[in-house]
């Protein structure tokens, strides 16, 4: 069964392969490349999962509302704040 090519990216990949833009690595090139990619992957994962503590001052009324919202979500309020900030910074939550 053949697959239909639908995207411009797929067409570009096929064109690049057919134009010999890519080549196989020799065994002496493969090990260092795999090592470099593993290091890059590890560094990316570390940056994406590393947490850093911060101190911020909030209005007491905001903290009360945040605690109530967190309770409705079934999580501690500091975890809730972190969760919402993560959503905001990743675009999952839109700011006004």
PDB file of N, CA and C in Angstrom:
ATOM      1  N   UNK A   1       0.839  -1.165   0.000  1.00  0.00           N
ATOM      2  CA  UNK A   1       0.000   0.000   0.000  1.00  0.00           C
ATOM      3  C   UNK A   1       0.893   1.240   0.000  1.00  0.00           C
ATOM      4  N   UNK A   2       0.697   2.124  -0.948  1.00  0.00           N
ATOM      5  CA  UNK A   2       1.500   3.343  -0.994  1.00  0.00           C
ATOM      6  C   UNK A   2       0.787   4.446  -0.233  1.00  0.00           C
ATOM      7  N   UNK A   3       1.597   5.324   0.357  1.00  0.00           N
ATOM      8  CA  UNK A   3       1.031   6.430   1.108  1.00  0.00           C
ATOM      9  C   UNK A   3       1.031   7.684   0.253  1.00  0.00           C
ATOM     10  N   UNK A   4       0.013   8.469   0.408  1.00  0.00           N
ATOM     11  CA  UNK A   4      -0.113   9.722  -0.323  1.00  0.00           C
ATOM     12  C   UNK A   4       0.725  10.788   0.378  1.00  0.00           C
ATOM     13  N   UNK A   5       1.505  11.505  -0.387  1.00  0.00           N
ATOM     14  CA  UNK A   5       2.302  12.598   0.159  1.00  0.00           C
ATOM     15  C   UNK A   5       1.447  13.852   0.092  1.00  0.00           C
ATOM     16  N   UNK A   6       1.278  14.478   1.249  1.00  0.00           N
ATOM     17  CA  UNK A   6       0.351  15.600   1.298  1.00  0.00           C
ATOM     18  C   UNK A   6       0.993  16.927   1.679  1.00  0.00           C
ATOM     19  N   UNK A   7       2.111  16.910   2.371  1.00  0.00           N
ATOM     20  CA  UNK A   7       2.630  18.181   2.876  1.00  0.00           C
ATOM     21  C   UNK A   7       3.847  18.650   2.090  1.00  0.00           C
ATOM     22  N   UNK A   8       4.066  19.948   2.150  1.00  0.00           N
ATOM     23  CA  UNK A   8       5.235  20.538   1.503  1.00  0.00           C
ATOM     24  C   UNK A   8       6.514  20.025   2.160  1.00  0.00           C
ATOM     25  N   UNK A   9       6.475  19.801   3.463  1.00  0.00           N
ATOM     26  CA  UNK A   9       7.658  19.285   4.164  1.00  0.00           C
ATOM     27  C   UNK A   9       8.035  17.898   3.652  1.00  0.00           C
ATOM     28  N   UNK A  10       7.033  17.054   3.456  1.00  0.00           N
ATOM     29  CA  UNK A  10       7.308  15.716   2.938  1.00  0.00           C
ATOM     30  C   UNK A  10       7.900  15.784   1.525  1.00  0.00           C
ATOM     31  N   UNK A  11       7.354  16.649   0.693  1.00  0.00           N
ATOM     32  CA  UNK A  11       7.880  16.803  -0.661  1.00  0.00           C
ATOM     33  C   UNK A  11       9.320  17.316  -0.647  1.00  0.00           C
ATOM     34  N   UNK A  12       9.622  18.232   0.273  1.00  0.00           N
ATOM     35  CA  UNK A  12      10.988  18.760   0.383  1.00  0.00           C
ATOM     36  C   UNK A  12      11.959  17.660   0.805  1.00  0.00           C
ATOM     37  N   UNK A  13      11.556  16.826   1.749  1.00  0.00           N
ATOM     38  CA  UNK A  13      12.416  15.723   2.186  1.00  0.00           C
ATOM     39  C   UNK A  13      12.710  14.787   1.020  1.00  0.00           C
ATOM     40  N   UNK A  14      11.684  14.429   0.274  1.00  0.00           N
ATOM     41  CA  UNK A  14      11.889  13.538  -0.876  1.00  0.00           C
ATOM     42  C   UNK A  14      12.823  14.195  -1.895  1.00  0.00           C
ATOM     43  N   UNK A  15      12.604  15.458  -2.166  1.00  0.00           N
ATOM     44  CA  UNK A  15      13.465  16.179  -3.114  1.00  0.00           C
ATOM     45  C   UNK A  15      14.910  16.183  -2.630  1.00  0.00           C
ATOM     46  N   UNK A  16      15.110  16.471  -1.334  1.00  0.00           N
ATOM     47  CA  UNK A  16      16.468  16.515  -0.776  1.00  0.00           C
ATOM     48  C   UNK A  16      17.149  15.153  -0.845  1.00  0.00           C
ATOM     49  N   UNK A  17      16.402  14.090  -0.552  1.00  0.00           N
ATOM     50  CA  UNK A  17      16.981  12.740  -0.625  1.00  0.00           C
ATOM     51  C   UNK A  17      17.340  12.411  -2.072  1.00  0.00           C
ATOM     52  N   UNK A  18      16.436  12.695  -2.980  1.00  0.00           N
ATOM     53  CA  UNK A  18      16.699  12.409  -4.390  1.00  0.00           C
ATOM     54  C   UNK A  18      17.831  13.258  -4.958  1.00  0.00           C
ATOM     55  N   UNK A  19      18.083  14.424  -4.368  1.00  0.00           N
ATOM     56  CA  UNK A  19      19.170  15.312  -4.816  1.00  0.00           C
ATOM     57  C   UNK A  19      20.485  15.000  -4.120  1.00  0.00           C
ATOM     58  N   UNK A  20      20.515  13.881  -3.384  1.00  0.00           N
ATOM     59  CA  UNK A  20      21.712  13.458  -2.646  1.00  0.00           C
ATOM     60  C   UNK A  20      22.190  14.495  -1.635  1.00  0.00           C
ATOM     61  N   UNK A  21      21.250  15.224  -1.061  1.00  0.00           N
ATOM     62  CA  UNK A  21      21.608  16.191  -0.029  1.00  0.00           C
ATOM     63  C   UNK A  21      22.050  15.473   1.255  1.00  0.00           C
ATOM     64  N   UNK A  22      21.557  14.269   1.445  1.00  0.00           N
ATOM     65  CA  UNK A  22      21.888  13.476   2.623  1.00  0.00           C
ATOM     66  C   UNK A  22      22.765  12.309   2.216  1.00  0.00           C
ATOM     67  N   UNK A  23      23.549  11.839   3.168  1.00  0.00           N
ATOM     68  CA  UNK A  23      24.376  10.669   2.907  1.00  0.00           C
ATOM     69  C   UNK A  23      24.488   9.831   4.175  1.00  0.00           C
ATOM     70  N   UNK A  24      24.783   8.568   4.004  1.00  0.00           N
ATOM     71  CA  UNK A  24      24.963   7.673   5.147  1.00  0.00           C
ATOM     72  C   UNK A  24      26.272   7.992   5.842  1.00  0.00           C
ATOM     73  N   UNK A  25      26.280   7.826   7.142  1.00  0.00           N
ATOM     74  CA  UNK A  25      27.506   8.046   7.898  1.00  0.00           C
ATOM     75  C   UNK A  25      28.347   6.785   7.906  1.00  0.00           C
ATOM     76  N   UNK A  26      29.642   6.962   7.789  1.00  0.00           N
ATOM     77  CA  UNK A  26      30.555   5.840   7.964  1.00  0.00           C
ATOM     78  C   UNK A  26      30.561   5.466   9.433  1.00  0.00           C
ATOM     79  N   UNK A  27      30.976   4.244   9.737  1.00  0.00           N
ATOM     80  CA  UNK A  27      30.957   3.794  11.132  1.00  0.00           C
ATOM     81  C   UNK A  27      31.825   4.679  12.026  1.00  0.00           C
ATOM     82  N   UNK A  28      32.920   5.238  11.490  1.00  0.00           N
ATOM     83  CA  UNK A  28      33.767   6.098  12.320  1.00  0.00           C
ATOM     84  C   UNK A  28      33.119   7.473  12.557  1.00  0.00           C
ATOM     85  N   UNK A  29      32.102   7.832  11.765  1.00  0.00           N
ATOM     86  CA  UNK A  29      31.366   9.084  11.973  1.00  0.00           C
ATOM     87  C   UNK A  29      30.127   8.868  12.844  1.00  0.00           C
ATOM     88  N   UNK A  30      29.607   7.656  12.816  1.00  0.00           N
ATOM     89  CA  UNK A  30      28.341   7.372  13.485  1.00  0.00           C
ATOM     90  C   UNK A  30      28.439   7.476  15.006  1.00  0.00           C
ATOM     91  N   UNK A  31      29.471   6.890  15.598  1.00  0.00           N
ATOM     92  CA  UNK A  31      29.604   6.885  17.068  1.00  0.00           C
ATOM     93  C   UNK A  31      29.722   8.308  17.617  1.00  0.00           C
ATOM     94  N   UNK A  32      30.618   9.164  17.078  1.00  0.00           N
ATOM     95  CA  UNK A  32      30.680  10.536  17.603  1.00  0.00           C
ATOM     96  C   UNK A  32      29.361  11.301  17.394  1.00  0.00           C
ATOM     97  N   UNK A  33      28.687  11.071  16.278  1.00  0.00           N
ATOM     98  CA  UNK A  33      27.415  11.748  16.021  1.00  0.00           C
ATOM     99  C   UNK A  33      26.372  11.295  17.030  1.00  0.00           C
ATOM    100  N   UNK A  34      26.303  10.005  17.305  1.00  0.00           N
ATOM    101  CA  UNK A  34      25.349   9.495  18.291  1.00  0.00           C
ATOM    102  C   UNK A  34      25.652  10.070  19.667  1.00  0.00           C
ATOM    103  N   UNK A  35      26.930  10.173  20.014  1.00  0.00           N
ATOM    104  CA  UNK A  35      27.328  10.734  21.303  1.00  0.00           C
ATOM    105  C   UNK A  35      26.915  12.201  21.409  1.00  0.00           C
ATOM    106  N   UNK A  36      27.144  12.959  20.343  1.00  0.00           N
ATOM    107  CA  UNK A  36      26.790  14.370  20.334  1.00  0.00           C
ATOM    108  C   UNK A  36      25.274  14.552  20.451  1.00  0.00           C
ATOM    109  N   UNK A  37      24.512  13.731  19.738  1.00  0.00           N
ATOM    110  CA  UNK A  37      23.060  13.821  19.800  1.00  0.00           C
ATOM    111  C   UNK A  37      22.530  13.409  21.175  1.00  0.00           C
ATOM    112  N   UNK A  38      23.153  12.420  21.789  1.00  0.00           N
ATOM    113  CA  UNK A  38      22.754  11.994  23.141  1.00  0.00           C
ATOM    114  C   UNK A  38      22.995  13.121  24.129  1.00  0.00           C
ATOM    115  N   UNK A  39      24.160  13.787  24.032  1.00  0.00           N
ATOM    116  CA  UNK A  39      24.473  14.908  24.924  1.00  0.00           C
ATOM    117  C   UNK A  39      23.462  16.040  24.727  1.00  0.00           C
ATOM    118  N   UNK A  40      23.154  16.363  23.474  1.00  0.00           N
ATOM    119  CA  UNK A  40      22.175  17.415  23.187  1.00  0.00           C
ATOM    120  C   UNK A  40      20.811  17.051  23.763  1.00  0.00           C
ATOM    121  N   UNK A  41      20.418  15.803  23.606  1.00  0.00           N
ATOM    122  CA  UNK A  41      19.144  15.328  24.136  1.00  0.00           C
ATOM    123  C   UNK A  41      19.114  15.430  25.661  1.00  0.00           C
ATOM    124  N   UNK A  42      20.181  14.990  26.316  1.00  0.00           N
ATOM    125  CA  UNK A  42      20.253  15.053  27.777  1.00  0.00           C
ATOM    126  C   UNK A  42      20.175  16.499  28.260  1.00  0.00           C
ATOM    127  N   UNK A  43      20.896  17.403  27.586  1.00  0.00           N
ATOM    128  CA  UNK A  43      20.880  18.811  27.980  1.00  0.00           C
ATOM    129  C   UNK A  43      19.489  19.419  27.806  1.00  0.00           C
ATOM    130  N   UNK A  44      18.805  19.048  26.743  1.00  0.00           N
ATOM    131  CA  UNK A  44      17.458  19.563  26.493  1.00  0.00           C
ATOM    132  C   UNK A  44      16.505  19.073  27.568  1.00  0.00           C
ATOM    133  N   UNK A  45      16.567  17.787  27.868  1.00  0.00           N
ATOM    134  CA  UNK A  45      15.688  17.217  28.897  1.00  0.00           C
ATOM    135  C   UNK A  45      15.966  17.874  30.246  1.00  0.00           C
ATOM    136  N   UNK A  46      17.247  18.085  30.573  1.00  0.00           N
ATOM    137  CA  UNK A  46      17.600  18.710  31.853  1.00  0.00           C
ATOM    138  C   UNK A  46      17.029  20.118  31.937  1.00  0.00           C
ATOM    139  N   UNK A  47      17.159  20.900  30.855  1.00  0.00           N
ATOM    140  CA  UNK A  47      16.636  22.263  30.871  1.00  0.00           C
ATOM    141  C   UNK A  47      15.121  22.287  30.970  1.00  0.00           C
ATOM    142  N   UNK A  48      14.460  21.330  30.345  1.00  0.00           N
ATOM    143  CA  UNK A  48      13.003  21.304  30.360  1.00  0.00           C
ATOM    144  C   UNK A  48      12.432  20.812  31.680  1.00  0.00           C
ATOM    145  N   UNK A  49      13.226  20.094  32.451  1.00  0.00           N
ATOM    146  CA  UNK A  49      12.712  19.536  33.700  1.00  0.00           C
ATOM    147  C   UNK A  49      13.309  20.178  34.947  1.00  0.00           C
ATOM    148  N   UNK A  50      14.355  20.975  34.790  1.00  0.00           N
ATOM    149  CA  UNK A  50      15.006  21.599  35.930  1.00  0.00           C
ATOM    150  C   UNK A  50      14.114  22.697  36.487  1.00  0.00           C
ATOM    151  N   UNK A  51      13.938  22.698  37.791  1.00  0.00           N
ATOM    152  CA  UNK A  51      13.102  23.707  38.431  1.00  0.00           C
ATOM    153  C   UNK A  51      13.979  24.633  39.258  1.00  0.00           C
ATOM    154  N   UNK A  52      13.556  25.889  39.331  1.00  0.00           N
ATOM    155  CA  UNK A  52      14.282  26.899  40.092  1.00  0.00           C
ATOM    156  C   UNK A  52      13.293  27.614  40.990  1.00  0.00           C
ATOM    157  N   UNK A  53      13.653  27.783  42.237  1.00  0.00           N
ATOM    158  CA  UNK A  53      12.783  28.467  43.186  1.00  0.00           C
ATOM    159  C   UNK A  53      12.880  29.978  42.992  1.00  0.00           C
ATOM    160  N   UNK A  54      11.717  30.639  43.122  1.00  0.00           N
ATOM    161  CA  UNK A  54      11.682  32.101  43.076  1.00  0.00           C
ATOM    162  C   UNK A  54      10.842  32.602  44.241  1.00  0.00           C
ATOM    163  N   UNK A  55      11.012  33.862  44.582  1.00  0.00           N
ATOM    164  CA  UNK A  55      10.183  34.506  45.592  1.00  0.00           C
ATOM    165  C   UNK A  55       9.448  35.660  44.932  1.00  0.00           C
ATOM    166  N   UNK A  56       8.143  35.721  45.131  1.00  0.00           N
ATOM    167  CA  UNK A  56       7.367  36.834  44.601  1.00  0.00           C
ATOM    168  C   UNK A  56       6.415  37.332  45.687  1.00  0.00           C
ATOM    169  N   UNK A  57       6.060  38.579  45.589  1.00  0.00           N
ATOM    170  CA  UNK A  57       5.099  39.160  46.518  1.00  0.00           C
ATOM    171  C   UNK A  57       3.774  39.320  45.781  1.00  0.00           C
ATOM    172  N   UNK A  58       2.727  38.774  46.394  1.00  0.00           N
ATOM    173  CA  UNK A  58       1.386  38.847  45.806  1.00  0.00           C
ATOM    174  C   UNK A  58       0.442  39.498  46.800  1.00  0.00           C
ATOM    175  N   UNK A  59      -0.608  40.087  46.278  1.00  0.00           N
ATOM    176  CA  UNK A  59      -1.640  40.622  47.156  1.00  0.00           C
ATOM    177  C   UNK A  59      -2.278  39.469  47.920  1.00  0.00           C
ATOM    178  N   UNK A  60      -2.592  39.726  49.180  1.00  0.00           N
ATOM    179  CA  UNK A  60      -3.192  38.680  50.005  1.00  0.00           C
ATOM    180  C   UNK A  60      -4.508  38.195  49.385  1.00  0.00           C
ATOM    181  N   UNK A  61      -5.273  39.111  48.825  1.00  0.00           N
ATOM    182  CA  UNK A  61      -6.543  38.724  48.210  1.00  0.00           C
ATOM    183  C   UNK A  61      -6.312  37.810  46.995  1.00  0.00           C
ATOM    184  N   UNK A  62      -5.229  38.043  46.246  1.00  0.00           N
ATOM    185  CA  UNK A  62      -4.902  37.165  45.117  1.00  0.00           C
ATOM    186  C   UNK A  62      -4.530  35.775  45.612  1.00  0.00           C
ATOM    187  N   UNK A  63      -3.791  35.719  46.707  1.00  0.00           N
ATOM    188  CA  UNK A  63      -3.394  34.420  47.264  1.00  0.00           C
ATOM    189  C   UNK A  63      -4.632  33.648  47.720  1.00  0.00           C
ATOM    190  N   UNK A  64      -5.563  34.334  48.341  1.00  0.00           N
ATOM    191  CA  UNK A  64      -6.799  33.679  48.783  1.00  0.00           C
ATOM    192  C   UNK A  64      -7.548  33.110  47.581  1.00  0.00           C
ATOM    193  N   UNK A  65      -7.658  33.910  46.509  1.00  0.00           N
ATOM    194  CA  UNK A  65      -8.338  33.417  45.301  1.00  0.00           C
ATOM    195  C   UNK A  65      -7.572  32.253  44.678  1.00  0.00           C
ATOM    196  N   UNK A  66      -6.234  32.358  44.637  1.00  0.00           N
ATOM    197  CA  UNK A  66      -5.423  31.269  44.080  1.00  0.00           C
ATOM    198  C   UNK A  66      -5.587  29.983  44.883  1.00  0.00           C
ATOM    199  N   UNK A  67      -5.632  30.099  46.195  1.00  0.00           N
ATOM    200  CA  UNK A  67      -5.823  28.917  47.038  1.00  0.00           C
ATOM    201  C   UNK A  67      -7.187  28.278  46.764  1.00  0.00           C
ATOM    202  N   UNK A  68      -8.196  29.105  46.575  1.00  0.00           N
ATOM    203  CA  UNK A  68      -9.524  28.588  46.272  1.00  0.00           C
ATOM    204  C   UNK A  68      -9.538  27.888  44.914  1.00  0.00           C
ATOM    205  N   UNK A  69      -8.917  28.507  43.931  1.00  0.00           N
ATOM    206  CA  UNK A  69      -8.847  27.908  42.594  1.00  0.00           C
ATOM    207  C   UNK A  69      -8.084  26.588  42.642  1.00  0.00           C
ATOM    208  N   UNK A  70      -6.978  26.566  43.377  1.00  0.00           N
ATOM    209  CA  UNK A  70      -6.170  25.348  43.496  1.00  0.00           C
ATOM    210  C   UNK A  70      -6.969  24.242  44.172  1.00  0.00           C
ATOM    211  N   UNK A  71      -7.723  24.602  45.195  1.00  0.00           N
ATOM    212  CA  UNK A  71      -8.548  23.626  45.897  1.00  0.00           C
ATOM    213  C   UNK A  71      -9.567  23.013  44.941  1.00  0.00           C
ATOM    214  N   UNK A  72     -10.160  23.848  44.087  1.00  0.00           N
ATOM    215  CA  UNK A  72     -11.116  23.341  43.098  1.00  0.00           C
ATOM    216  C   UNK A  72     -10.460  22.383  42.109  1.00  0.00           C
ATOM    217  N   UNK A  73      -9.169  22.585  41.853  1.00  0.00           N
ATOM    218  CA  UNK A  73      -8.424  21.712  40.940  1.00  0.00           C
ATOM    219  C   UNK A  73      -7.805  20.514  41.662  1.00  0.00           C
ATOM    220  N   UNK A  74      -7.874  20.519  43.000  1.00  0.00           N
ATOM    221  CA  UNK A  74      -7.366  19.398  43.785  1.00  0.00           C
ATOM    222  C   UNK A  74      -5.853  19.360  43.893  1.00  0.00           C
ATOM    223  N   UNK A  75      -5.245  20.546  43.961  1.00  0.00           N
ATOM    224  CA  UNK A  75      -3.788  20.580  44.095  1.00  0.00           C
ATOM    225  C   UNK A  75      -3.372  21.698  45.033  1.00  0.00           C
ATOM    226  N   UNK A  76      -2.158  21.594  45.605  1.00  0.00           N
ATOM    227  CA  UNK A  76      -1.653  22.677  46.457  1.00  0.00           C
ATOM    228  C   UNK A  76      -1.549  23.976  45.655  1.00  0.00           C
ATOM    229  N   UNK A  77      -1.730  25.112  46.338  1.00  0.00           N
ATOM    230  CA  UNK A  77      -1.787  26.368  45.599  1.00  0.00           C
ATOM    231  C   UNK A  77      -0.475  26.723  44.920  1.00  0.00           C
ATOM    232  N   UNK A  78       0.671  26.388  45.535  1.00  0.00           N
ATOM    233  CA  UNK A  78       1.955  26.693  44.887  1.00  0.00           C
ATOM    234  C   UNK A  78       2.131  25.848  43.618  1.00  0.00           C
ATOM    235  N   UNK A  79       1.691  24.600  43.675  1.00  0.00           N
ATOM    236  CA  UNK A  79       1.725  23.745  42.488  1.00  0.00           C
ATOM    237  C   UNK A  79       0.800  24.310  41.422  1.00  0.00           C
ATOM    238  N   UNK A  80      -0.361  24.790  41.852  1.00  0.00           N
ATOM    239  CA  UNK A  80      -1.324  25.380  40.920  1.00  0.00           C
ATOM    240  C   UNK A  80      -0.733  26.617  40.239  1.00  0.00           C
ATOM    241  N   UNK A  81      -0.093  27.481  41.008  1.00  0.00           N
ATOM    242  CA  UNK A  81       0.527  28.686  40.433  1.00  0.00           C
ATOM    243  C   UNK A  81       1.582  28.283  39.411  1.00  0.00           C
ATOM    244  N   UNK A  82       2.423  27.323  39.755  1.00  0.00           N
ATOM    245  CA  UNK A  82       3.460  26.851  38.839  1.00  0.00           C
ATOM    246  C   UNK A  82       2.832  26.273  37.575  1.00  0.00           C
ATOM    247  N   UNK A  83       1.785  25.490  37.740  1.00  0.00           N
ATOM    248  CA  UNK A  83       1.081  24.878  36.614  1.00  0.00           C
ATOM    249  C   UNK A  83       0.514  25.953  35.682  1.00  0.00           C
ATOM    250  N   UNK A  84      -0.131  26.963  36.250  1.00  0.00           N
ATOM    251  CA  UNK A  84      -0.734  28.017  35.437  1.00  0.00           C
ATOM    252  C   UNK A  84       0.328  28.871  34.744  1.00  0.00           C
ATOM    253  N   UNK A  85       1.410  29.160  35.420  1.00  0.00           N
ATOM    254  CA  UNK A  85       2.497  29.918  34.796  1.00  0.00           C
ATOM    255  C   UNK A  85       3.113  29.128  33.646  1.00  0.00           C
ATOM    256  N   UNK A  86       3.251  27.818  33.836  1.00  0.00           N
ATOM    257  CA  UNK A  86       3.779  26.979  32.760  1.00  0.00           C
ATOM    258  C   UNK A  86       2.840  27.027  31.548  1.00  0.00           C
ATOM    259  N   UNK A  87       1.556  26.922  31.787  1.00  0.00           N
ATOM    260  CA  UNK A  87       0.595  26.987  30.691  1.00  0.00           C
ATOM    261  C   UNK A  87       0.676  28.339  29.980  1.00  0.00           C
ATOM    262  N   UNK A  88       0.843  29.408  30.749  1.00  0.00           N
ATOM    263  CA  UNK A  88       0.935  30.745  30.159  1.00  0.00           C
ATOM    264  C   UNK A  88       2.190  30.889  29.301  1.00  0.00           C
ATOM    265  N   UNK A  89       3.319  30.414  29.810  1.00  0.00           N
ATOM    266  CA  UNK A  89       4.583  30.585  29.078  1.00  0.00           C
ATOM    267  C   UNK A  89       4.705  29.662  27.874  1.00  0.00           C
ATOM    268  N   UNK A  90       3.951  28.566  27.849  1.00  0.00           N
ATOM    269  CA  UNK A  90       4.011  27.658  26.711  1.00  0.00           C
ATOM    270  C   UNK A  90       2.907  27.927  25.689  1.00  0.00           C
ATOM    271  N   UNK A  91       2.053  28.924  25.965  1.00  0.00           N
ATOM    272  CA  UNK A  91       1.005  29.263  25.020  1.00  0.00           C
ATOM    273  C   UNK A  91      -0.273  28.471  25.183  1.00  0.00           C
ATOM    274  N   UNK A  92      -0.313  27.562  26.145  1.00  0.00           N
ATOM    275  CA  UNK A  92      -1.529  26.778  26.369  1.00  0.00           C
ATOM    276  C   UNK A  92      -2.616  27.632  27.029  1.00  0.00           C
ATOM    277  N   UNK A  93      -2.215  28.731  27.638  1.00  0.00           N
ATOM    278  CA  UNK A  93      -3.131  29.672  28.266  1.00  0.00           C
ATOM    279  C   UNK A  93      -2.814  31.043  27.687  1.00  0.00           C
ATOM    280  N   UNK A  94      -3.800  31.685  27.133  1.00  0.00           N
ATOM    281  CA  UNK A  94      -3.576  32.987  26.490  1.00  0.00           C
ATOM    282  C   UNK A  94      -3.736  34.107  27.502  1.00  0.00           C
ATOM    283  N   UNK A  95      -2.827  35.094  27.431  1.00  0.00           N
ATOM    284  CA  UNK A  95      -2.953  36.274  28.280  1.00  0.00           C
ATOM    285  C   UNK A  95      -3.845  37.297  27.574  1.00  0.00           C
ATOM    286  N   UNK A  96      -4.352  38.239  28.309  1.00  0.00           N
ATOM    287  CA  UNK A  96      -5.253  39.253  27.729  1.00  0.00           C
ATOM    288  C   UNK A  96      -4.456  40.261  26.948  1.00  0.00           C
TER     289      UNK A  96
END
